[in-house]
Amino acid sequence: MNSLCFKLAIATLLLPASMTAMAQDCKGLQDLQYKNDKPQAECGSLLSVLDRLTNTRKAGGRKLEEDRPFNAQAAQADLAKAKADPEVRQRLDKINKEVSDPTRRLVYEAAVLDEEGYYSARDLRINQIKQQHK
C-alpha cells in the first residue's frame, strides 16, 4: 500500500461516525492539518477533500453541489479564476512554500479551493492526486 493510501486509510479510521461532529472539533486531523502550528486549511474543507479521495459513492440527501461529470477545461478555468483572486493566490503560494510533499501540497490546495468555493478547481486537484497514485 503506498503512503498516501495508508495515510488516507488512517485518517478515515480516525474519523468518528458523524462527519458533522468531526468538522466541529477535528480531533485526529491536527497532525495532517498543521505544520509548525500554522493551519493550512480549515478542517471541514480538509475533511471534504479526504472524503472525496476515499469515497466513490454518490452523496444522497440535500447537497450544496450538483453531481456532474468532471470537465477539465472548466476546472482549469476555475483554477485560473482562483489564482486571480489575491487572497486565494496568497494562500496557495504559502502552501507551495511551506509544504514540501507534492501530494500533501495538492491536498491542502484542494482544501483551500473547496473552502473558497472553487469546486471545479478543487476537483482538478483531487483528480491529480488520484492520477499520481494509480
Protein backbone atom coordinates (compact mmCIF):
# COMPACT_ATOMS: atom_id res chain seq x y z
CA MET A 1 0.00 0.00 0.00
CA ASN A 2 1.51 3.36 -0.97
CA SER A 3 1.96 6.06 1.66
CA LEU A 4 -0.95 8.24 0.51
CA CYS A 5 -3.39 5.34 0.65
CA PHE A 6 -2.06 4.40 4.08
CA LYS A 7 -2.38 7.98 5.38
CA LEU A 8 -5.89 8.28 3.94
CA ALA A 9 -6.86 4.93 5.44
CA ILE A 10 -5.58 6.03 8.85
CA ALA A 11 -7.34 9.40 8.54
CA THR A 12 -10.56 7.61 7.62
CA LEU A 13 -10.25 5.30 10.63
CA LEU A 14 -9.76 8.31 12.89
CA LEU A 15 -12.99 9.90 11.71
CA PRO A 16 -15.88 9.45 14.13
CA ALA A 17 -19.23 8.19 12.88
CA SER A 18 -20.55 11.70 12.49
CA MET A 19 -18.80 13.90 9.92
CA THR A 20 -20.59 16.91 11.42
CA ALA A 21 -19.05 16.30 14.82
CA MET A 22 -15.66 15.82 13.17
CA ALA A 23 -15.94 19.11 11.33
CA GLN A 24 -16.64 20.87 14.63
CA ASP A 25 -13.70 19.60 16.66
CA CYS A 26 -11.34 17.99 14.12
CA LYS A 27 -9.83 15.54 16.59
CA GLY A 28 -7.39 13.24 14.87
CA LEU A 29 -6.77 15.55 11.96
CA GLN A 30 -4.45 18.07 13.60
CA ASP A 31 -1.34 16.08 12.63
CA LEU A 32 -2.42 16.13 9.00
CA GLN A 33 -3.52 19.76 9.03
CA TYR A 34 -0.80 21.65 10.85
CA LYS A 35 2.85 22.24 10.15
CA ASN A 36 4.70 24.35 12.69
CA ASP A 37 1.34 25.26 14.30
CA LYS A 38 0.18 27.12 11.16
CA PRO A 39 -3.16 25.97 9.75
CA GLN A 40 -3.01 25.34 6.01
CA ALA A 41 -6.77 24.99 5.51
CA GLU A 42 -9.97 24.67 7.50
CA CYS A 43 -10.58 21.23 8.92
CA GLY A 44 -14.02 20.96 7.31
CA SER A 45 -12.54 21.55 3.87
CA LEU A 46 -9.80 19.00 4.53
CA LEU A 47 -12.49 16.52 5.52
CA SER A 48 -14.36 17.23 2.31
CA VAL A 49 -11.24 16.58 0.23
CA LEU A 50 -10.31 13.41 2.16
CA ASP A 51 -13.89 12.18 1.79
CA ARG A 52 -13.77 12.74 -1.97
CA LEU A 53 -10.44 10.90 -2.18
CA THR A 54 -11.56 7.90 -0.16
CA ASN A 55 -15.24 7.52 -1.05
CA THR A 56 -16.51 6.91 -4.54
CA ARG A 57 -20.16 6.74 -3.55
CA LYS A 58 -22.59 9.47 -4.51
CA ALA A 59 -23.88 11.64 -1.71
CA GLY A 60 -27.58 11.43 -1.01
CA GLY A 61 -29.98 13.87 0.54
CA ARG A 62 -29.59 17.60 0.47
CA LYS A 63 -26.44 18.75 -1.32
CA LEU A 64 -24.71 22.03 -1.90
CA GLU A 65 -23.25 20.94 -5.22
CA GLU A 66 -24.79 19.22 -8.22
CA ASP A 67 -23.45 15.85 -9.38
CA ARG A 68 -21.99 16.37 -12.82
CA PRO A 69 -19.20 14.83 -14.87
CA PHE A 70 -15.73 16.29 -14.45
CA ASN A 71 -14.92 18.93 -17.07
CA ALA A 72 -11.15 19.52 -17.28
CA GLN A 73 -11.48 22.77 -19.26
CA ALA A 74 -13.94 24.26 -16.78
CA ALA A 75 -11.72 23.12 -13.91
CA GLN A 76 -8.66 24.80 -15.44
CA ALA A 77 -10.69 27.99 -15.93
CA ASP A 78 -11.89 27.80 -12.33
CA LEU A 79 -8.29 27.34 -11.13
CA ALA A 80 -7.19 30.39 -13.16
CA LYS A 81 -10.04 32.37 -11.61
CA ALA A 82 -8.98 31.23 -8.13
CA LYS A 83 -5.35 32.21 -8.78
CA ALA A 84 -6.52 35.64 -9.97
CA ASP A 85 -8.06 36.25 -6.54
CA PRO A 86 -5.24 37.85 -4.48
CA GLU A 87 -6.29 36.23 -1.18
CA VAL A 88 -6.55 32.75 -2.67
CA ARG A 89 -3.30 33.20 -4.59
CA GLN A 90 -1.53 34.20 -1.37
CA ARG A 91 -2.81 31.09 0.42
CA LEU A 92 -1.80 28.81 -2.44
CA ASP A 93 1.66 30.42 -2.59
CA LYS A 94 2.05 29.90 1.16
CA ILE A 95 1.22 26.21 0.77
CA ASN A 96 3.74 25.87 -2.06
CA LYS A 97 6.45 27.41 0.14
CA GLU A 98 5.67 25.54 3.35
CA VAL A 99 4.63 22.06 2.17
CA SER A 100 7.38 20.04 0.52
CA ASP A 101 5.48 16.79 -0.15
CA PRO A 102 3.74 17.13 -3.55
CA THR A 103 0.73 15.00 -2.62
CA ARG A 104 0.17 16.77 0.67
CA ARG A 105 0.52 20.09 -1.17
CA LEU A 106 -2.25 19.08 -3.60
CA VAL A 107 -4.48 18.02 -0.69
CA TYR A 108 -4.03 21.38 1.02
CA GLU A 109 -4.58 23.26 -2.25
CA ALA A 110 -7.76 21.27 -2.86
CA ALA A 111 -8.93 22.11 0.67
CA VAL A 112 -8.28 25.84 0.17
CA LEU A 113 -10.10 25.76 -3.17
CA ASP A 114 -13.01 23.95 -1.51
CA GLU A 115 -13.06 26.48 1.31
CA GLU A 116 -13.12 29.39 -1.13
CA GLY A 117 -15.87 27.88 -3.30
CA TYR A 118 -13.77 26.93 -6.35
CA TYR A 119 -15.21 23.43 -6.56
CA SER A 120 -14.16 22.61 -10.12
CA ALA A 121 -10.57 23.63 -9.32
CA ARG A 122 -10.75 21.51 -6.16
CA ASP A 123 -11.88 18.54 -8.23
CA LEU A 124 -8.97 19.14 -10.61
CA ARG A 125 -6.52 18.85 -7.70
CA ILE A 126 -8.32 15.74 -6.40
CA ASN A 127 -8.08 14.13 -9.85
CA GLN A 128 -4.36 14.99 -9.97
CA ILE A 129 -3.85 13.25 -6.62
CA LYS A 130 -5.70 10.17 -7.85
CA GLN A 131 -3.63 10.11 -11.08
CA GLN A 132 -0.37 10.30 -9.11
CA HIS A 133 -1.32 7.25 -7.07
CA LYS A 134 -2.79 4.90 -9.66
